[in-house]
Amino acid sequence: MTDGFDKSLPMRVQAPVYGVALFSNSIPDLVLVVMGLWLVELKTPLIMIGVLAGLRYVGPLLFAIHGGAMMDRLGTRRVLTFAALVMLVFPLFYPVAPWILAIMALQLLCGLADSLGWVGAQTLTGQVLRGSPTYTGRLVFATRVGTFAGPPLAGGAWDIFGPWGGFAALSLWGGGLLYSVVALPKEALSVPTDLNQSIIKSVTPRIVDYIEAFKLFALPLMALVLAMTIIRQFGSGMQSAFYAVYLEGIGMPGTLIGVLVAANGLMGIAALGSGPLLGRFKEFSLLVWCIIISIASIALVPFFTDFIPLFVASSIRGAVMAISVVIIVSLIARSVNSKVQGRAMGLRTTCNQAANVSIPIVMGGLAHIWGLEMAFYIVGAAGIAITILASALARGVETPTL
C-alpha cells in the first residue's frame, strides 16, 4: 500500500526521517527526568525550578513560526545539523557549570535546538515522505518509541553514573539525531532558496510571517482551538517542571521516574483509536473531556506515593493527550486553506510554548508560597475551570464536518 502515491520509498530514504523524528520529539521527556533530578541535587528553590523549566521553551515560543521558513531559506539539512550538534555537545556542559546563570543560558540554547529538530522532522514529512499517510503514521510511531525508551534510559544512567550519566543520555540522543541527519538522502530534500544571501539575513525572522500567522486568530474556530491548545498545556507545564521533583521527593529512583514518564509515550498509541471515538462522540466534546482528564491526571499526582497508581495516572494522561492532539490538529487543518497550513501549525506551536513558558513559572511561585503539593492542586483546578468556561463560550462556534 502506498496511499495512492506513485511508488514506495526505499527504507534507506524513510529510515533517516524516522530517526530525526524519534530523537528530536522525545528529547523533552529525557530532559524532564534529568533536569528535575539535577535541580533537586543542586537544592534549587522551587520558584527557580519553575523559571528554569520555562526558559527551555522561550526559544520555541519565539521561533516556532520562523523555524519552518528558515529551513526553506537555508535548507532543512543545514538547520538540523546545527540543532543536532547543539544537542550532542551542550548537555555535557550542565555538570561542568552548575550555576544558575549558566543553566539559564544552556536551557535557552538547548530548548531552541530541540524545537528546531522537531520542526525539521515535520518539514521532512513533505520533503522526503511526500505527505504519505502511511509514512507519516510510521513517523509518529517512531516518536512514541523515543518517548517510551528514552526516559528509563536517562533515569537508569542517572542512578548508575549520577549527573554525568543522565546528561550523557541527552548527548546520546543528540548523537542519534546527528547520525539520522547525515543519513538523509540529498536527492530527496528541497533546494535552499537563500544560498546567495548572508547567514545573518537568512536566519533573521521576517515580520510578515508572524503577521500572517496571527491573522488566523480572526477565525472563530481557530481562536477557540488555539485557546484549547493553551489550556491543554496546563498539565504539560506542571509535568515538565515539577513531576520529577515531586517523585524524587517521595524517594522514587531515577529509573522508575523514567518508566513513569515512558508510560505517557506508550499509551500514545491511543491516537490510533481517535477515528472510532469520533464516530461515537461529538468532536469538540471529546476534546474538552480529554483536556479535563489530562489536567486532572497530573494535578492529582500528590495524592499518590506508590508506583502502580502513578503508572496508571501517567498511562491515562498519555492516552487522552494523544487523542486530544489528533483532534486539535485535525480541526486546524479543516479550518484554514492549504496555503496557510504551515503558519497555522506554527501558530499552534507558539501557543503551546507560551503556556510551557508561563505555567512552570506560575507554579514555581505558588509552590514557593504554599508548597509543591498545593501548587499541583491550584494549577490543576484553574486549568479545569478554564476548560469548562471555554467550552461554555464555544457553543455558538461551528466545527467543520469530518
Foldseek 3Di string as FASTA:
>chain_A
DFQPDDDDDDVLQLVLLLLLLQLLLQLLLLCLLLVLVLCVVVVPALLLLLQLQLLLLPLLLVCLLVLVQLCQAPNLLVLLLVLLVLQQPLLQCCVVDVDSVVSSVNSNVNSNSSSSSNSSSVVCCCQRVVVTPVSVVSSLLSNLVNQQPLQLQLLVLCVVPNSNRNSNSSNVSSVSNNVSSVSNDPVSTDDRDNPVDDPVVSSDGDVVSVVVLVVVCVQVLLVLLLVLLLLLCLLVLCSSRPVNNVLVVLPHGSNLSSNLSSLLSVLLVLLVVLVVVVVPDPLVVLLLVLSLLLLVLRLCVVVDSDSVSSSVSSNSNSNSVSNNVVSSLVQQPVRDDPVCSSSSVSVSSSSSSVSNNPSSSVLSVVCSPPNNSVSSNVSSVVSNVVSVVSVVVCPPPDTDDD
